[in-house]
Amino acid sequence: MTKNELFDRIVKILKDSFEIEPVRITPEARLYDDLDIDSIDAVDLIVQLKPLLGRNLQPEAFKSVRTVQDIVDVVHGLMPGQAAA
């Protein structure tokens, strides 16, 4: 899966699960400040990303995540067959 495809999947998750308008979801959008994602939402997002990886995501992997692009980069780097970004 390319980073663009992954971004599209994350947009869909944010739109469907958190009712965020897609126009607000840009790579530079800050999760907590711009999209009003709180820590509980962040855990839910991690759970929803699990099927993309086929394994559990460790919360530690997301400590440095601040933007939508950060999510894309971390998840893409953890995907099977992908080199770390």
N, C-alpha and C. Protein backbone atom coordinates (compact mmCIF):
# COMPACT_ATOMS: atom_id res chain seq x y z
N MET A 1 0.85 -1.17 0.00
CA MET A 1 0.00 0.00 0.00
C MET A 1 0.90 1.24 0.00
N THR A 2 0.58 2.17 -0.87
CA THR A 2 1.36 3.41 -0.94
C THR A 2 0.96 4.34 0.20
N LYS A 3 1.77 5.35 0.42
CA LYS A 3 1.44 6.33 1.45
C LYS A 3 0.17 7.09 1.09
N ASN A 4 -0.06 7.34 -0.20
CA ASN A 4 -1.28 8.03 -0.62
C ASN A 4 -2.51 7.17 -0.34
N GLU A 5 -2.42 5.88 -0.61
CA GLU A 5 -3.53 4.97 -0.32
C GLU A 5 -3.78 4.89 1.18
N LEU A 6 -2.72 4.86 1.95
CA LEU A 6 -2.83 4.82 3.40
C LEU A 6 -3.47 6.10 3.92
N PHE A 7 -3.06 7.24 3.38
CA PHE A 7 -3.68 8.51 3.77
C PHE A 7 -5.18 8.47 3.51
N ASP A 8 -5.59 7.96 2.34
CA ASP A 8 -7.01 7.87 2.02
C ASP A 8 -7.76 6.99 3.01
N ARG A 9 -7.15 5.88 3.44
CA ARG A 9 -7.78 5.00 4.42
C ARG A 9 -7.92 5.70 5.76
N ILE A 10 -6.90 6.45 6.16
CA ILE A 10 -6.95 7.17 7.43
C ILE A 10 -8.02 8.25 7.38
N VAL A 11 -8.13 8.95 6.26
CA VAL A 11 -9.19 9.96 6.10
C VAL A 11 -10.55 9.30 6.29
N LYS A 12 -10.75 8.13 5.69
CA LYS A 12 -12.03 7.43 5.81
C LYS A 12 -12.31 7.05 7.27
N ILE A 13 -11.30 6.56 7.97
CA ILE A 13 -11.48 6.21 9.38
C ILE A 13 -11.85 7.45 10.19
N LEU A 14 -11.12 8.54 9.99
CA LEU A 14 -11.40 9.76 10.74
C LEU A 14 -12.79 10.31 10.43
N LYS A 15 -13.18 10.22 9.17
CA LYS A 15 -14.51 10.71 8.76
C LYS A 15 -15.61 9.83 9.34
N ASP A 16 -15.48 8.52 9.17
CA ASP A 16 -16.53 7.61 9.58
C ASP A 16 -16.62 7.43 11.09
N SER A 17 -15.50 7.34 11.76
CA SER A 17 -15.50 7.04 13.19
C SER A 17 -15.58 8.27 14.08
N PHE A 18 -15.02 9.37 13.61
CA PHE A 18 -14.96 10.56 14.46
C PHE A 18 -15.75 11.74 13.89
N GLU A 19 -16.44 11.49 12.77
CA GLU A 19 -17.30 12.49 12.14
C GLU A 19 -16.55 13.80 11.85
N ILE A 20 -15.33 13.65 11.38
CA ILE A 20 -14.53 14.82 11.00
C ILE A 20 -14.74 15.07 9.51
N GLU A 21 -15.00 16.31 9.16
CA GLU A 21 -15.20 16.65 7.76
C GLU A 21 -13.91 16.40 6.99
N PRO A 22 -14.00 15.67 5.87
CA PRO A 22 -12.79 15.35 5.10
C PRO A 22 -11.97 16.57 4.69
N VAL A 23 -12.61 17.70 4.47
CA VAL A 23 -11.88 18.90 4.06
C VAL A 23 -10.90 19.36 5.16
N ARG A 24 -11.18 19.00 6.41
CA ARG A 24 -10.29 19.37 7.52
C ARG A 24 -9.09 18.44 7.65
N ILE A 25 -9.17 17.27 7.00
CA ILE A 25 -8.13 16.25 7.17
C ILE A 25 -7.08 16.41 6.08
N THR A 26 -6.01 17.07 6.43
CA THR A 26 -4.88 17.26 5.52
C THR A 26 -3.66 16.58 6.15
N PRO A 27 -2.62 16.34 5.38
CA PRO A 27 -1.43 15.74 5.98
C PRO A 27 -0.87 16.57 7.14
N GLU A 28 -1.00 17.88 7.06
CA GLU A 28 -0.45 18.77 8.09
C GLU A 28 -1.38 18.96 9.27
N ALA A 29 -2.61 18.47 9.20
CA ALA A 29 -3.58 18.67 10.28
C ALA A 29 -3.08 18.03 11.57
N ARG A 30 -3.08 18.82 12.63
CA ARG A 30 -2.65 18.33 13.94
C ARG A 30 -3.83 17.62 14.60
N LEU A 31 -3.58 16.41 15.06
CA LEU A 31 -4.66 15.58 15.59
C LEU A 31 -5.38 16.25 16.75
N TYR A 32 -4.64 16.71 17.74
CA TYR A 32 -5.25 17.25 18.94
C TYR A 32 -5.77 18.66 18.75
N ASP A 33 -5.02 19.50 18.07
CA ASP A 33 -5.39 20.90 17.93
C ASP A 33 -6.37 21.16 16.80
N ASP A 34 -6.13 20.58 15.64
CA ASP A 34 -6.95 20.87 14.46
C ASP A 34 -8.16 19.94 14.32
N LEU A 35 -7.99 18.68 14.72
CA LEU A 35 -9.06 17.70 14.51
C LEU A 35 -9.79 17.32 15.79
N ASP A 36 -9.38 17.90 16.91
CA ASP A 36 -10.03 17.65 18.20
C ASP A 36 -10.04 16.18 18.60
N ILE A 37 -8.98 15.47 18.26
CA ILE A 37 -8.82 14.07 18.67
C ILE A 37 -8.26 14.09 20.10
N ASP A 38 -8.90 13.36 21.02
CA ASP A 38 -8.36 13.27 22.37
C ASP A 38 -7.66 11.93 22.55
N SER A 39 -7.15 11.67 23.74
CA SER A 39 -6.36 10.46 23.95
C SER A 39 -7.20 9.19 23.79
N ILE A 40 -8.46 9.23 24.18
CA ILE A 40 -9.34 8.07 24.00
C ILE A 40 -9.56 7.82 22.51
N ASP A 41 -9.79 8.88 21.75
CA ASP A 41 -9.94 8.75 20.30
C ASP A 41 -8.67 8.19 19.67
N ALA A 42 -7.52 8.62 20.17
CA ALA A 42 -6.25 8.14 19.61
C ALA A 42 -6.11 6.63 19.81
N VAL A 43 -6.52 6.13 20.97
CA VAL A 43 -6.48 4.69 21.22
C VAL A 43 -7.42 3.98 20.26
N ASP A 44 -8.62 4.52 20.07
CA ASP A 44 -9.58 3.93 19.14
C ASP A 44 -9.01 3.92 17.72
N LEU A 45 -8.34 4.97 17.34
CA LEU A 45 -7.73 5.04 16.01
C LEU A 45 -6.67 3.95 15.85
N ILE A 46 -5.86 3.75 16.88
CA ILE A 46 -4.84 2.69 16.84
C ILE A 46 -5.50 1.33 16.63
N VAL A 47 -6.59 1.08 17.34
CA VAL A 47 -7.31 -0.19 17.20
C VAL A 47 -7.82 -0.35 15.77
N GLN A 48 -8.32 0.71 15.18
CA GLN A 48 -8.86 0.64 13.82
C GLN A 48 -7.77 0.48 12.76
N LEU A 49 -6.55 0.84 13.09
CA LEU A 49 -5.45 0.69 12.14
C LEU A 49 -4.87 -0.73 12.15
N LYS A 50 -5.19 -1.50 13.17
CA LYS A 50 -4.66 -2.86 13.31
C LYS A 50 -4.88 -3.72 12.06
N PRO A 51 -6.07 -3.72 11.44
CA PRO A 51 -6.27 -4.56 10.26
C PRO A 51 -5.31 -4.24 9.10
N LEU A 52 -4.86 -3.02 9.03
CA LEU A 52 -3.92 -2.65 7.97
C LEU A 52 -2.57 -3.34 8.15
N LEU A 53 -2.24 -3.62 9.40
CA LEU A 53 -0.94 -4.22 9.70
C LEU A 53 -1.02 -5.72 9.95
N GLY A 54 -2.21 -6.19 10.33
CA GLY A 54 -2.36 -7.59 10.65
C GLY A 54 -1.77 -7.95 12.01
N ARG A 55 -1.52 -6.95 12.83
CA ARG A 55 -1.00 -7.18 14.17
C ARG A 55 -1.32 -5.98 15.04
N ASN A 56 -1.15 -6.16 16.34
CA ASN A 56 -1.40 -5.06 17.26
C ASN A 56 -0.35 -3.98 17.09
N LEU A 57 -0.79 -2.76 17.25
CA LEU A 57 0.12 -1.62 17.25
C LEU A 57 0.44 -1.28 18.70
N GLN A 58 1.68 -1.05 18.98
CA GLN A 58 2.07 -0.65 20.32
C GLN A 58 1.88 0.86 20.46
N PRO A 59 1.23 1.29 21.54
CA PRO A 59 1.03 2.73 21.73
C PRO A 59 2.33 3.52 21.70
N GLU A 60 3.44 2.90 22.10
CA GLU A 60 4.73 3.60 22.09
C GLU A 60 5.10 4.09 20.69
N ALA A 61 4.65 3.35 19.68
CA ALA A 61 4.96 3.73 18.29
C ALA A 61 4.32 5.06 17.92
N PHE A 62 3.30 5.45 18.69
CA PHE A 62 2.56 6.66 18.37
C PHE A 62 2.89 7.84 19.27
N LYS A 63 3.89 7.69 20.12
CA LYS A 63 4.23 8.79 21.04
C LYS A 63 4.63 10.06 20.31
N SER A 64 5.28 9.93 19.16
CA SER A 64 5.75 11.11 18.44
C SER A 64 4.74 11.60 17.40
N VAL A 65 3.61 10.93 17.28
CA VAL A 65 2.61 11.30 16.28
C VAL A 65 1.89 12.57 16.70
N ARG A 66 1.90 13.55 15.81
CA ARG A 66 1.21 14.82 16.06
C ARG A 66 0.26 15.19 14.93
N THR A 67 0.59 14.75 13.71
CA THR A 67 -0.21 15.12 12.54
C THR A 67 -0.71 13.87 11.82
N VAL A 68 -1.60 14.08 10.87
CA VAL A 68 -2.09 12.98 10.05
C VAL A 68 -0.93 12.35 9.28
N GLN A 69 -0.02 13.17 8.77
CA GLN A 69 1.13 12.63 8.04
C GLN A 69 2.01 11.77 8.95
N ASP A 70 2.11 12.14 10.22
CA ASP A 70 2.87 11.32 11.17
C ASP A 70 2.26 9.92 11.27
N ILE A 71 0.93 9.84 11.29
CA ILE A 71 0.26 8.54 11.33
C ILE A 71 0.62 7.74 10.08
N VAL A 72 0.50 8.39 8.93
CA VAL A 72 0.83 7.72 7.67
C VAL A 72 2.25 7.17 7.71
N ASP A 73 3.19 7.99 8.14
CA ASP A 73 4.60 7.58 8.15
C ASP A 73 4.85 6.41 9.11
N VAL A 74 4.28 6.48 10.31
CA VAL A 74 4.48 5.41 11.29
C VAL A 74 3.85 4.11 10.81
N VAL A 75 2.59 4.18 10.38
CA VAL A 75 1.90 2.96 9.95
C VAL A 75 2.58 2.37 8.71
N HIS A 76 2.93 3.22 7.77
CA HIS A 76 3.59 2.73 6.55
C HIS A 76 4.90 2.03 6.90
N GLY A 77 5.65 2.58 7.83
CA GLY A 77 6.91 1.98 8.23
C GLY A 77 6.74 0.64 8.94
N LEU A 78 5.57 0.42 9.55
CA LEU A 78 5.31 -0.82 10.27
C LEU A 78 4.65 -1.89 9.40
N MET A 79 4.22 -1.50 8.21
CA MET A 79 3.53 -2.46 7.34
C MET A 79 4.50 -3.52 6.85
N PRO A 80 4.03 -4.76 6.73
CA PRO A 80 4.90 -5.83 6.23
C PRO A 80 5.47 -5.47 4.86
N GLY A 81 6.75 -5.69 4.69
CA GLY A 81 7.40 -5.44 3.41
C GLY A 81 7.77 -3.99 3.16
N GLN A 82 7.56 -3.12 4.14
CA GLN A 82 7.89 -1.71 3.97
C GLN A 82 9.13 -1.38 4.77
N ALA A 83 9.97 -0.57 4.20
CA ALA A 83 11.13 -0.06 4.94
C ALA A 83 10.64 1.06 5.84
N ALA A 84 11.26 1.23 6.96
CA ALA A 84 10.88 2.31 7.87
C ALA A 84 11.08 3.65 7.18
N ALA A 85 10.12 4.53 7.41
CA ALA A 85 10.17 5.85 6.77
C ALA A 85 11.11 6.77 7.50
